[in-house]
Amino acid sequence: MYFTDRGIEELVDRRGEESVTLEWLGEQLRTFVDQNPQFETPIERFATWLARADDEDDE
């Protein structure tokens, strides 16, 4: 188990029943980076990965 799994499990436990939009997620990621600029690169990579997840050309 990765350390991040604990945070993911907490997210699912606390908010697993909620529905969110990608717009909401984008705003949350922007707010997080504004407050934690040292995570700008990993968040950018994560957002790009999510955006291209179904893109067969990138595999």
PDB file of N, CA and C in Angstrom:
ATOM      1  N   MET A   1       0.843  -1.178   0.000  1.00  0.00           N
ATOM      2  CA  MET A   1       0.000   0.000   0.000  1.00  0.00           C
ATOM      3  C   MET A   1       0.886   1.238   0.000  1.00  0.00           C
ATOM      4  N   TYR A   2       0.547   2.155  -0.858  1.00  0.00           N
ATOM      5  CA  TYR A   2       1.255   3.429  -0.899  1.00  0.00           C
ATOM      6  C   TYR A   2       0.695   4.350   0.185  1.00  0.00           C
ATOM      7  N   PHE A   3       1.515   5.286   0.624  1.00  0.00           N
ATOM      8  CA  PHE A   3       1.083   6.269   1.608  1.00  0.00           C
ATOM      9  C   PHE A   3      -0.145   7.030   1.120  1.00  0.00           C
ATOM     10  N   THR A   4      -0.196   7.321  -0.192  1.00  0.00           N
ATOM     11  CA  THR A   4      -1.324   8.074  -0.749  1.00  0.00           C
ATOM     12  C   THR A   4      -2.632   7.303  -0.662  1.00  0.00           C
ATOM     13  N   ASP A   5      -2.554   5.987  -0.546  1.00  0.00           N
ATOM     14  CA  ASP A   5      -3.781   5.193  -0.445  1.00  0.00           C
ATOM     15  C   ASP A   5      -4.626   5.615   0.755  1.00  0.00           C
ATOM     16  N   ARG A   6      -3.988   6.027   1.835  1.00  0.00           N
ATOM     17  CA  ARG A   6      -4.740   6.456   3.018  1.00  0.00           C
ATOM     18  C   ARG A   6      -5.576   7.693   2.708  1.00  0.00           C
ATOM     19  N   GLY A   7      -4.980   8.632   2.001  1.00  0.00           N
ATOM     20  CA  GLY A   7      -5.732   9.834   1.621  1.00  0.00           C
ATOM     21  C   GLY A   7      -6.853   9.524   0.660  1.00  0.00           C
ATOM     22  N   ILE A   8      -6.603   8.621  -0.269  1.00  0.00           N
ATOM     23  CA  ILE A   8      -7.638   8.226  -1.232  1.00  0.00           C
ATOM     24  C   ILE A   8      -8.771   7.520  -0.506  1.00  0.00           C
ATOM     25  N   GLU A   9      -8.436   6.636   0.427  1.00  0.00           N
ATOM     26  CA  GLU A   9      -9.468   5.943   1.205  1.00  0.00           C
ATOM     27  C   GLU A   9     -10.299   6.930   2.022  1.00  0.00           C
ATOM     28  N   GLU A  10      -9.643   7.928   2.613  1.00  0.00           N
ATOM     29  CA  GLU A  10     -10.384   8.937   3.373  1.00  0.00           C
ATOM     30  C   GLU A  10     -11.320   9.717   2.458  1.00  0.00           C
ATOM     31  N   LEU A  11     -10.826  10.074   1.279  1.00  0.00           N
ATOM     32  CA  LEU A  11     -11.669  10.794   0.312  1.00  0.00           C
ATOM     33  C   LEU A  11     -12.916   9.977  -0.026  1.00  0.00           C
ATOM     34  N   VAL A  12     -12.741   8.709  -0.317  1.00  0.00           N
ATOM     35  CA  VAL A  12     -13.870   7.841  -0.666  1.00  0.00           C
ATOM     36  C   VAL A  12     -14.815   7.686   0.521  1.00  0.00           C
ATOM     37  N   ASP A  13     -14.242   7.496   1.711  1.00  0.00           N
ATOM     38  CA  ASP A  13     -15.084   7.341   2.905  1.00  0.00           C
ATOM     39  C   ASP A  13     -15.907   8.589   3.194  1.00  0.00           C
ATOM     40  N   ARG A  14     -15.283   9.761   3.069  1.00  0.00           N
ATOM     41  CA  ARG A  14     -15.968  11.000   3.426  1.00  0.00           C
ATOM     42  C   ARG A  14     -16.876  11.532   2.320  1.00  0.00           C
ATOM     43  N   ARG A  15     -16.492  11.320   1.064  1.00  0.00           N
ATOM     44  CA  ARG A  15     -17.223  11.963  -0.036  1.00  0.00           C
ATOM     45  C   ARG A  15     -17.668  10.987  -1.121  1.00  0.00           C
ATOM     46  N   GLY A  16     -17.569   9.707  -0.837  1.00  0.00           N
ATOM     47  CA  GLY A  16     -17.867   8.692  -1.839  1.00  0.00           C
ATOM     48  C   GLY A  16     -19.277   8.705  -2.391  1.00  0.00           C
ATOM     49  N   GLU A  17     -20.211   9.247  -1.629  1.00  0.00           N
ATOM     50  CA  GLU A  17     -21.605   9.295  -2.075  1.00  0.00           C
ATOM     51  C   GLU A  17     -21.914  10.544  -2.901  1.00  0.00           C
ATOM     52  N   GLU A  18     -20.986  11.512  -2.915  1.00  0.00           N
ATOM     53  CA  GLU A  18     -21.220  12.774  -3.624  1.00  0.00           C
ATOM     54  C   GLU A  18     -20.956  12.629  -5.121  1.00  0.00           C
ATOM     55  N   SER A  19     -21.639  13.457  -5.883  1.00  0.00           N
ATOM     56  CA  SER A  19     -21.356  13.597  -7.310  1.00  0.00           C
ATOM     57  C   SER A  19     -20.683  14.948  -7.505  1.00  0.00           C
ATOM     58  N   VAL A  20     -19.629  14.959  -8.296  1.00  0.00           N
ATOM     59  CA  VAL A  20     -18.922  16.209  -8.558  1.00  0.00           C
ATOM     60  C   VAL A  20     -18.731  16.362 -10.064  1.00  0.00           C
ATOM     61  N   THR A  21     -18.520  17.594 -10.471  1.00  0.00           N
ATOM     62  CA  THR A  21     -18.240  17.857 -11.879  1.00  0.00           C
ATOM     63  C   THR A  21     -16.729  18.013 -12.061  1.00  0.00           C
ATOM     64  N   LEU A  22     -16.289  17.902 -13.281  1.00  0.00           N
ATOM     65  CA  LEU A  22     -14.881  18.152 -13.571  1.00  0.00           C
ATOM     66  C   LEU A  22     -14.545  19.619 -13.354  1.00  0.00           C
ATOM     67  N   GLU A  23     -15.516  20.486 -13.555  1.00  0.00           N
ATOM     68  CA  GLU A  23     -15.301  21.906 -13.281  1.00  0.00           C
ATOM     69  C   GLU A  23     -15.001  22.115 -11.795  1.00  0.00           C
ATOM     70  N   TRP A  24     -15.769  21.470 -10.930  1.00  0.00           N
ATOM     71  CA  TRP A  24     -15.532  21.563  -9.483  1.00  0.00           C
ATOM     72  C   TRP A  24     -14.146  21.030  -9.140  1.00  0.00           C
ATOM     73  N   LEU A  25     -13.801  19.869  -9.708  1.00  0.00           N
ATOM     74  CA  LEU A  25     -12.491  19.278  -9.447  1.00  0.00           C
ATOM     75  C   LEU A  25     -11.376  20.218  -9.895  1.00  0.00           C
ATOM     76  N   GLY A  26     -11.525  20.814 -11.061  1.00  0.00           N
ATOM     77  CA  GLY A  26     -10.530  21.756 -11.559  1.00  0.00           C
ATOM     78  C   GLY A  26     -10.344  22.931 -10.610  1.00  0.00           C
ATOM     79  N   GLU A  27     -11.443  23.460 -10.087  1.00  0.00           N
ATOM     80  CA  GLU A  27     -11.353  24.571  -9.137  1.00  0.00           C
ATOM     81  C   GLU A  27     -10.659  24.145  -7.846  1.00  0.00           C
ATOM     82  N   GLN A  28     -10.938  22.945  -7.385  1.00  0.00           N
ATOM     83  CA  GLN A  28     -10.291  22.439  -6.173  1.00  0.00           C
ATOM     84  C   GLN A  28      -8.788  22.264  -6.401  1.00  0.00           C
ATOM     85  N   LEU A  29      -8.413  21.763  -7.569  1.00  0.00           N
ATOM     86  CA  LEU A  29      -6.990  21.589  -7.878  1.00  0.00           C
ATOM     87  C   LEU A  29      -6.289  22.945  -7.961  1.00  0.00           C
ATOM     88  N   ARG A  30      -6.945  23.931  -8.578  1.00  0.00           N
ATOM     89  CA  ARG A  30      -6.360  25.280  -8.650  1.00  0.00           C
ATOM     90  C   ARG A  30      -6.167  25.861  -7.251  1.00  0.00           C
ATOM     91  N   THR A  31      -7.169  25.724  -6.406  1.00  0.00           N
ATOM     92  CA  THR A  31      -7.078  26.231  -5.040  1.00  0.00           C
ATOM     93  C   THR A  31      -5.941  25.549  -4.295  1.00  0.00           C
ATOM     94  N   PHE A  32      -5.830  24.230  -4.462  1.00  0.00           N
ATOM     95  CA  PHE A  32      -4.764  23.483  -3.804  1.00  0.00           C
ATOM     96  C   PHE A  32      -3.393  23.983  -4.236  1.00  0.00           C
ATOM     97  N   VAL A  33      -3.209  24.187  -5.535  1.00  0.00           N
ATOM     98  CA  VAL A  33      -1.910  24.662  -6.041  1.00  0.00           C
ATOM     99  C   VAL A  33      -1.640  26.090  -5.588  1.00  0.00           C
ATOM    100  N   ASP A  34      -2.678  26.910  -5.525  1.00  0.00           N
ATOM    101  CA  ASP A  34      -2.497  28.276  -5.011  1.00  0.00           C
ATOM    102  C   ASP A  34      -1.975  28.244  -3.577  1.00  0.00           C
ATOM    103  N   GLN A  35      -2.476  27.317  -2.787  1.00  0.00           N
ATOM    104  CA  GLN A  35      -2.073  27.205  -1.390  1.00  0.00           C
ATOM    105  C   GLN A  35      -0.788  26.398  -1.200  1.00  0.00           C
ATOM    106  N   ASN A  36      -0.457  25.563  -2.183  1.00  0.00           N
ATOM    107  CA  ASN A  36       0.705  24.671  -2.096  1.00  0.00           C
ATOM    108  C   ASN A  36       1.465  24.685  -3.418  1.00  0.00           C
ATOM    109  N   PRO A  37       2.114  25.788  -3.768  1.00  0.00           N
ATOM    110  CA  PRO A  37       2.748  25.909  -5.082  1.00  0.00           C
ATOM    111  C   PRO A  37       3.834  24.865  -5.351  1.00  0.00           C
ATOM    112  N   GLN A  38       4.375  24.265  -4.323  1.00  0.00           N
ATOM    113  CA  GLN A  38       5.390  23.232  -4.529  1.00  0.00           C
ATOM    114  C   GLN A  38       4.816  21.986  -5.212  1.00  0.00           C
ATOM    115  N   PHE A  39       3.485  21.867  -5.255  1.00  0.00           N
ATOM    116  CA  PHE A  39       2.844  20.719  -5.899  1.00  0.00           C
ATOM    117  C   PHE A  39       2.336  21.034  -7.303  1.00  0.00           C
ATOM    118  N   GLU A  40       2.737  22.173  -7.851  1.00  0.00           N
ATOM    119  CA  GLU A  40       2.245  22.571  -9.169  1.00  0.00           C
ATOM    120  C   GLU A  40       2.543  21.522 -10.244  1.00  0.00           C
ATOM    121  N   THR A  41       3.774  21.020 -10.296  1.00  0.00           N
ATOM    122  CA  THR A  41       4.142  20.047 -11.334  1.00  0.00           C
ATOM    123  C   THR A  41       3.386  18.727 -11.182  1.00  0.00           C
ATOM    124  N   PRO A  42       3.330  18.125  -9.986  1.00  0.00           N
ATOM    125  CA  PRO A  42       2.568  16.872  -9.884  1.00  0.00           C
ATOM    126  C   PRO A  42       1.081  17.040 -10.199  1.00  0.00           C
ATOM    127  N   ILE A  43       0.486  18.173  -9.795  1.00  0.00           N
ATOM    128  CA  ILE A  43      -0.930  18.395 -10.094  1.00  0.00           C
ATOM    129  C   ILE A  43      -1.133  18.580 -11.588  1.00  0.00           C
ATOM    130  N   GLU A  44      -0.209  19.287 -12.233  1.00  0.00           N
ATOM    131  CA  GLU A  44      -0.299  19.465 -13.690  1.00  0.00           C
ATOM    132  C   GLU A  44      -0.209  18.112 -14.386  1.00  0.00           C
ATOM    133  N   ARG A  45       0.704  17.266 -13.947  1.00  0.00           N
ATOM    134  CA  ARG A  45       0.851  15.933 -14.549  1.00  0.00           C
ATOM    135  C   ARG A  45      -0.391  15.087 -14.310  1.00  0.00           C
ATOM    136  N   PHE A  46      -0.935  15.154 -13.098  1.00  0.00           N
ATOM    137  CA  PHE A  46      -2.148  14.398 -12.771  1.00  0.00           C
ATOM    138  C   PHE A  46      -3.322  14.865 -13.626  1.00  0.00           C
ATOM    139  N   ALA A  47      -3.507  16.186 -13.733  1.00  0.00           N
ATOM    140  CA  ALA A  47      -4.608  16.719 -14.538  1.00  0.00           C
ATOM    141  C   ALA A  47      -4.461  16.323 -16.006  1.00  0.00           C
ATOM    142  N   THR A  48      -3.243  16.382 -16.526  1.00  0.00           N
ATOM    143  CA  THR A  48      -3.002  15.980 -17.907  1.00  0.00           C
ATOM    144  C   THR A  48      -3.292  14.496 -18.091  1.00  0.00           C
ATOM    145  N   TRP A  49      -2.875  13.693 -17.126  1.00  0.00           N
ATOM    146  CA  TRP A  49      -3.138  12.247 -17.185  1.00  0.00           C
ATOM    147  C   TRP A  49      -4.646  11.979 -17.190  1.00  0.00           C
ATOM    148  N   LEU A  50      -5.391  12.666 -16.318  1.00  0.00           N
ATOM    149  CA  LEU A  50      -6.846  12.497 -16.304  1.00  0.00           C
ATOM    150  C   LEU A  50      -7.466  12.924 -17.630  1.00  0.00           C
ATOM    151  N   ALA A  51      -6.994  14.044 -18.175  1.00  0.00           N
ATOM    152  CA  ALA A  51      -7.548  14.559 -19.426  1.00  0.00           C
ATOM    153  C   ALA A  51      -7.330  13.592 -20.584  1.00  0.00           C
ATOM    154  N   ARG A  52      -6.236  12.861 -20.546  1.00  0.00           N
ATOM    155  CA  ARG A  52      -5.872  11.974 -21.662  1.00  0.00           C
ATOM    156  C   ARG A  52      -6.107  10.506 -21.366  1.00  0.00           C
ATOM    157  N   ALA A  53      -6.778  10.181 -20.283  1.00  0.00           N
ATOM    158  CA  ALA A  53      -6.935   8.792 -19.842  1.00  0.00           C
ATOM    159  C   ALA A  53      -7.535   7.880 -20.909  1.00  0.00           C
ATOM    160  N   ASP A  54      -8.423   8.395 -21.721  1.00  0.00           N
ATOM    161  CA  ASP A  54      -9.069   7.577 -22.756  1.00  0.00           C
ATOM    162  C   ASP A  54      -8.406   7.703 -24.127  1.00  0.00           C
ATOM    163  N   ASP A  55      -7.314   8.440 -24.187  1.00  0.00           N
ATOM    164  CA  ASP A  55      -6.629   8.695 -25.451  1.00  0.00           C
ATOM    165  C   ASP A  55      -5.735   7.503 -25.808  1.00  0.00           C
ATOM    166  N   GLU A  56      -6.157   6.717 -26.773  1.00  0.00           N
ATOM    167  CA  GLU A  56      -5.424   5.522 -27.170  1.00  0.00           C
ATOM    168  C   GLU A  56      -4.064   5.852 -27.798  1.00  0.00           C
ATOM    169  N   ASP A  57      -3.933   7.036 -28.390  1.00  0.00           N
ATOM    170  CA  ASP A  57      -2.689   7.407 -29.051  1.00  0.00           C
ATOM    171  C   ASP A  57      -1.529   7.585 -28.068  1.00  0.00           C
ATOM    172  N   ASP A  58      -1.819   7.876 -26.789  1.00  0.00           N
ATOM    173  CA  ASP A  58      -0.784   8.127 -25.800  1.00  0.00           C
ATOM    174  C   ASP A  58      -0.244   6.861 -25.140  1.00  0.00           C
ATOM    175  N   GLU A  59      -0.799   5.722 -25.460  1.00  0.00           N
ATOM    176  CA  GLU A  59      -0.371   4.477 -24.806  1.00  0.00           C
ATOM    177  C   GLU A  59       0.883   3.915 -25.393  1.00  0.00           C
TER     178      GLU A  59
END
